[in-house]
Amino acid sequence: MNIKMYVNNEKIIAGMTMKDREELEQGNMALHVCLNTEYVLENRKKLATSLSSEIDNFVCANQTHSDHFHRVILEDKGRGAKTKDTVIPDTDALYTFEPNIILSSFTADCVPVFLYNNVNGLIGVVHSGWQGTIKEITPKLFNHLIEVENCNPGDFHVQIGAALSQEKFEVDEDVYVKFKNLGYANDFIYYKESTNKYHIDNQLTVKKQCELAGIPSDQITIDPTCTFLSPDGFSYREDKQAGRHLSFIMRKE
């Protein structure tokens, strides 16, 4: 199985499954876009085994490009792991203090954001497509963690996973204006006269959002892999029938 591992130490394991032509459905991990649910479940079981875990420890959400987040508790364990019927509804970010739970996020061009707090053990994962970015889901989550969960922003480490590159993320003026109106994304946008399109770096915009939330810049890492250009990437922009990467993070106990 093709897994891009971002963190693997005594406390945290986090990474992202990639397209793999040797696997069922090329390693697709999403039940909401698949040809055969059993193939996806086999892929998930294989991932769980590689993490020394079980499929029942996954927690999945029905992602709707919202700015909604959910604190995962022990009773949530297994939601969305084997069937769509049990997913956490209308949610694009998950966090938990619980160990041995695999928080999951599904992407095919959107930005996956992994976060972990070395002091109190909190972990989280965010699905930030361009709609989530302009709704500021990531900074809203951090503000909640700081204000409600009493986290210190300086204790967080953030990994921004593989996503659509600025070169391939071309948009019309309506989306450009939404990013411009954020007030801090202008440095991550360029205009291409030959196509009359704007190109936006969603990853760098999300990084800026993390910095504005108080996360130290040197504790934020970006994976430069473009899901469109890389043969290991699932890209909705390239292929509307594309499978999905699964971004995962788990705190070990």
Protein backbone atom coordinates (compact mmCIF):
# COMPACT_ATOMS: atom_id res chain seq x y z
CA MET A 1 0.00 0.00 0.00
CA ASN A 2 1.30 3.42 -1.01
CA ILE A 3 1.34 5.50 2.19
CA LYS A 4 3.00 8.87 2.60
CA MET A 5 3.99 9.02 6.26
CA TYR A 6 4.30 12.49 7.74
CA VAL A 7 4.77 11.73 11.44
CA ASN A 8 5.69 8.45 13.08
CA ASN A 9 7.17 8.71 16.54
CA GLU A 10 6.46 7.26 19.95
CA LYS A 11 3.36 9.45 20.37
CA ILE A 12 1.82 10.26 16.98
CA ILE A 13 1.35 8.57 13.63
CA ALA A 14 0.00 10.61 10.73
CA GLY A 15 0.01 10.21 7.00
CA MET A 16 -1.91 10.01 3.77
CA THR A 17 -2.74 7.08 1.53
CA MET A 18 -1.82 7.67 -2.10
CA LYS A 19 -2.98 6.19 -5.40
CA ASP A 20 -1.55 2.72 -5.92
CA ARG A 21 -2.21 0.83 -9.14
CA GLU A 22 -1.43 -2.46 -7.39
CA GLU A 23 -4.32 -2.03 -4.95
CA LEU A 24 -8.07 -2.47 -5.31
CA GLU A 25 -9.59 0.59 -7.04
CA GLN A 26 -6.04 1.99 -7.07
CA GLY A 27 -6.18 2.40 -3.32
CA ASN A 28 -9.42 4.39 -3.18
CA MET A 29 -10.45 4.89 0.46
CA ALA A 30 -13.86 6.55 0.12
CA LEU A 31 -17.21 4.80 0.39
CA HIS A 32 -19.04 7.79 -1.12
CA VAL A 33 -17.13 7.49 -4.43
CA CYS A 34 -16.36 3.88 -5.20
CA LEU A 35 -17.21 1.10 -7.59
CA ASN A 36 -17.26 -1.58 -4.91
CA THR A 37 -17.69 -0.92 -1.19
CA GLU A 38 -15.98 -4.19 -0.30
CA TYR A 39 -12.84 -3.06 -2.12
CA VAL A 40 -12.75 0.17 -0.11
CA LEU A 41 -13.26 -1.75 3.13
CA GLU A 42 -10.39 -4.07 2.20
CA ASN A 43 -8.18 -1.02 1.59
CA ARG A 44 -9.15 0.45 4.94
CA LYS A 45 -8.47 -2.83 6.73
CA LYS A 46 -5.07 -3.00 5.09
CA LEU A 47 -4.29 0.53 6.24
CA ALA A 48 -5.46 -0.26 9.76
CA THR A 49 -3.21 -3.31 9.88
CA SER A 50 -0.23 -1.24 8.75
CA LEU A 51 -0.97 1.10 11.67
CA SER A 52 -1.17 -1.85 14.11
CA SER A 53 -4.85 -1.03 14.53
CA GLU A 54 -8.28 -2.17 13.35
CA ILE A 55 -10.89 -0.76 10.99
CA ASP A 56 -13.26 -0.23 13.93
CA ASN A 57 -10.91 2.46 15.25
CA PHE A 58 -11.49 4.78 12.27
CA VAL A 59 -13.77 7.80 12.64
CA CYS A 60 -15.08 9.36 9.41
CA ALA A 61 -17.28 12.35 8.62
CA ASN A 62 -19.63 13.29 5.81
CA GLN A 63 -17.62 16.20 4.42
CA THR A 64 -19.70 19.05 2.99
CA HIS A 65 -17.11 21.83 2.46
CA SER A 66 -18.41 23.39 5.68
CA ASP A 67 -16.69 25.16 8.57
CA HIS A 68 -18.05 22.63 11.08
CA PHE A 69 -15.84 20.62 13.41
CA HIS A 70 -16.52 17.83 15.89
CA ARG A 71 -14.80 16.68 19.07
CA VAL A 72 -14.51 12.92 18.79
CA ILE A 73 -15.19 10.94 21.97
CA LEU A 74 -14.81 7.23 22.67
CA GLU A 75 -18.44 6.59 21.72
CA ASP A 76 -17.70 7.88 18.22
CA LYS A 77 -15.14 5.17 17.55
CA GLY A 78 -16.03 3.28 14.39
CA ARG A 79 -18.41 5.89 12.99
CA GLY A 80 -18.23 5.79 9.20
CA ALA A 81 -15.57 3.10 9.29
CA LYS A 82 -17.61 0.36 7.59
CA THR A 83 -20.71 2.15 6.33
CA LYS A 84 -21.78 5.63 5.26
CA ASP A 85 -24.86 5.38 7.48
CA THR A 86 -22.89 5.96 10.69
CA VAL A 87 -20.65 8.87 9.63
CA ILE A 88 -20.48 12.08 11.62
CA PRO A 89 -22.76 14.34 9.53
CA ASP A 90 -21.95 17.69 7.91
CA THR A 91 -18.44 17.99 9.34
CA ASP A 92 -15.07 18.84 7.81
CA ALA A 93 -12.74 18.74 10.81
CA LEU A 94 -12.31 16.23 13.61
CA TYR A 95 -10.26 16.43 16.79
CA THR A 96 -9.85 14.31 19.88
CA PHE A 97 -7.92 13.82 23.09
CA GLU A 98 -8.52 10.06 22.94
CA PRO A 99 -5.71 7.64 22.08
CA ASN A 100 -5.88 4.86 19.49
CA ILE A 101 -8.62 6.52 17.44
CA ILE A 102 -7.82 7.08 13.76
CA LEU A 103 -9.23 10.43 12.68
CA SER A 104 -9.88 10.39 8.94
CA SER A 105 -10.30 12.92 6.15
CA PHE A 106 -10.85 12.29 2.43
CA THR A 107 -9.41 14.44 -0.35
CA ALA A 108 -8.77 14.50 -4.10
CA ASP A 109 -7.19 18.00 -4.56
CA CYS A 110 -8.47 19.64 -1.36
CA VAL A 111 -5.99 20.48 1.38
CA PRO A 112 -5.69 18.02 4.28
CA VAL A 113 -4.46 19.63 7.49
CA PHE A 114 -3.02 17.50 10.29
CA LEU A 115 -2.49 18.99 13.74
CA TYR A 116 -1.15 17.67 16.99
CA ASN A 117 -0.35 19.15 20.37
CA ASN A 118 2.74 17.74 22.05
CA VAL A 119 1.73 19.00 25.49
CA ASN A 120 -1.86 17.78 25.97
CA GLY A 121 -2.04 15.05 23.31
CA LEU A 122 -4.80 16.61 21.22
CA ILE A 123 -4.84 15.57 17.55
CA GLY A 124 -6.96 16.71 14.63
CA VAL A 125 -7.49 16.58 10.90
CA VAL A 126 -9.14 19.15 8.63
CA HIS A 127 -10.56 18.95 5.10
CA SER A 128 -9.99 22.39 3.57
CA GLY A 129 -11.01 22.65 -0.05
CA TRP A 130 -11.19 26.17 -1.43
CA GLN A 131 -14.67 26.57 0.07
CA GLY A 132 -13.44 25.48 3.47
CA THR A 133 -10.49 27.84 3.19
CA ILE A 134 -12.61 30.89 2.43
CA LYS A 135 -14.95 29.86 5.28
CA GLU A 136 -11.79 29.75 7.42
CA ILE A 137 -12.42 26.31 8.86
CA THR A 138 -8.82 25.86 10.02
CA PRO A 139 -8.49 29.12 11.99
CA LYS A 140 -11.99 28.66 13.40
CA LEU A 141 -10.95 25.25 14.69
CA PHE A 142 -7.76 26.65 16.21
CA ASN A 143 -9.65 29.50 17.84
CA HIS A 144 -12.01 26.93 19.37
CA LEU A 145 -9.12 24.79 20.60
CA ILE A 146 -7.43 27.81 22.15
CA GLU A 147 -10.52 29.36 23.72
CA VAL A 148 -12.60 26.28 24.64
CA GLU A 149 -10.05 23.49 25.00
CA ASN A 150 -7.45 25.78 26.63
CA CYS A 151 -4.69 24.92 24.16
CA ASN A 152 -1.57 27.03 23.71
CA PRO A 153 -1.10 27.76 19.98
CA GLY A 154 2.66 27.46 20.42
CA ASP A 155 2.25 23.79 21.37
CA PHE A 156 0.78 22.81 18.00
CA HIS A 157 2.55 21.25 15.05
CA VAL A 158 0.80 21.33 11.68
CA GLN A 159 1.34 19.25 8.56
CA ILE A 160 -0.34 20.38 5.34
CA GLY A 161 -0.72 17.38 3.07
CA ALA A 162 -0.58 16.81 -0.68
CA ALA A 163 -3.13 18.88 -2.62
CA LEU A 164 -3.79 20.65 -5.91
CA SER A 165 -0.87 22.94 -6.77
CA GLN A 166 -1.16 26.63 -7.56
CA GLU A 167 -0.26 25.86 -11.17
CA LYS A 168 -3.28 23.57 -11.52
CA PHE A 169 -5.70 25.45 -9.26
CA GLU A 170 -7.01 27.95 -11.78
CA VAL A 171 -10.23 29.82 -11.07
CA ASP A 172 -12.46 32.55 -12.43
CA GLU A 173 -12.87 35.98 -10.93
CA ASP A 174 -15.70 34.96 -8.57
CA VAL A 175 -13.46 32.59 -6.60
CA TYR A 176 -10.51 34.99 -6.83
CA VAL A 177 -12.59 37.71 -5.19
CA LYS A 178 -13.51 35.39 -2.31
CA PHE A 179 -9.83 34.72 -1.61
CA LYS A 180 -8.91 38.38 -2.05
CA ASN A 181 -11.58 39.35 0.47
CA LEU A 182 -9.86 37.27 3.12
CA GLY A 183 -7.35 40.10 3.30
CA TYR A 184 -4.24 37.93 3.64
CA ALA A 185 -4.18 35.70 0.54
CA ASN A 186 -3.03 38.17 -2.10
CA ASP A 187 0.57 36.94 -2.01
CA PHE A 188 -0.65 33.47 -2.95
CA ILE A 189 -2.52 34.48 -6.13
CA TYR A 190 -1.36 35.27 -9.65
CA TYR A 191 -3.26 36.15 -12.83
CA LYS A 192 -2.59 34.51 -16.21
CA GLU A 193 -3.57 36.80 -19.06
CA SER A 194 -3.45 34.12 -21.75
CA THR A 195 -6.24 32.17 -20.09
CA ASN A 196 -7.94 34.97 -18.15
CA LYS A 197 -7.64 32.77 -15.05
CA TYR A 198 -6.40 33.30 -11.53
CA HIS A 199 -4.12 30.76 -9.89
CA ILE A 200 -4.36 30.31 -6.13
CA ASP A 201 -2.08 28.48 -3.72
CA ASN A 202 -4.56 26.96 -1.29
CA GLN A 203 -1.83 25.31 0.78
CA LEU A 204 0.00 28.59 1.46
CA THR A 205 -3.30 30.31 2.24
CA VAL A 206 -4.03 27.64 4.85
CA LYS A 207 -0.50 27.99 6.24
CA LYS A 208 -1.09 31.73 6.61
CA GLN A 209 -4.34 31.00 8.44
CA CYS A 210 -2.43 28.77 10.87
CA GLU A 211 0.15 31.50 11.44
CA LEU A 212 -2.56 34.08 12.07
CA ALA A 213 -4.05 31.70 14.64
CA GLY A 214 -0.73 31.78 16.48
CA ILE A 215 0.93 28.59 15.26
CA PRO A 216 4.70 29.16 14.92
CA SER A 217 5.71 29.18 11.26
CA ASP A 218 8.59 26.77 11.86
CA GLN A 219 6.10 24.24 13.25
CA ILE A 220 4.11 24.14 9.98
CA THR A 221 5.23 21.83 7.17
CA ILE A 222 3.85 21.62 3.61
CA ASP A 223 3.95 18.62 1.30
CA PRO A 224 4.62 20.08 -2.19
CA THR A 225 3.12 17.05 -3.99
CA CYS A 226 0.44 18.11 -6.50
CA THR A 227 -2.45 15.66 -6.61
CA PHE A 228 -3.09 16.55 -10.28
CA LEU A 229 0.49 16.30 -11.54
CA SER A 230 1.70 13.38 -9.43
CA PRO A 231 0.99 9.84 -10.64
CA ASP A 232 0.32 9.05 -6.97
CA GLY A 233 -2.49 11.60 -6.72
CA PHE A 234 -6.25 11.32 -6.93
CA SER A 235 -7.47 14.52 -8.61
CA TYR A 236 -11.11 15.48 -8.89
CA ARG A 237 -10.12 18.33 -11.21
CA GLU A 238 -8.44 15.88 -13.56
CA ASP A 239 -11.04 13.12 -13.24
CA LYS A 240 -14.47 13.66 -11.69
CA GLN A 241 -14.64 9.91 -11.00
CA ALA A 242 -11.38 9.92 -9.04
CA GLY A 243 -11.00 7.97 -5.84
CA ARG A 244 -9.96 9.61 -2.58
CA HIS A 245 -6.88 9.77 -0.43
CA LEU A 246 -7.39 9.08 3.26
CA SER A 247 -5.52 11.40 5.60
CA PHE A 248 -5.16 9.85 9.03
CA ILE A 249 -3.79 10.78 12.43
CA MET A 250 -3.72 8.74 15.62
CA ARG A 251 -2.22 9.23 19.04
CA LYS A 252 -0.57 6.09 20.34
CA GLU A 253 -0.98 4.89 23.89
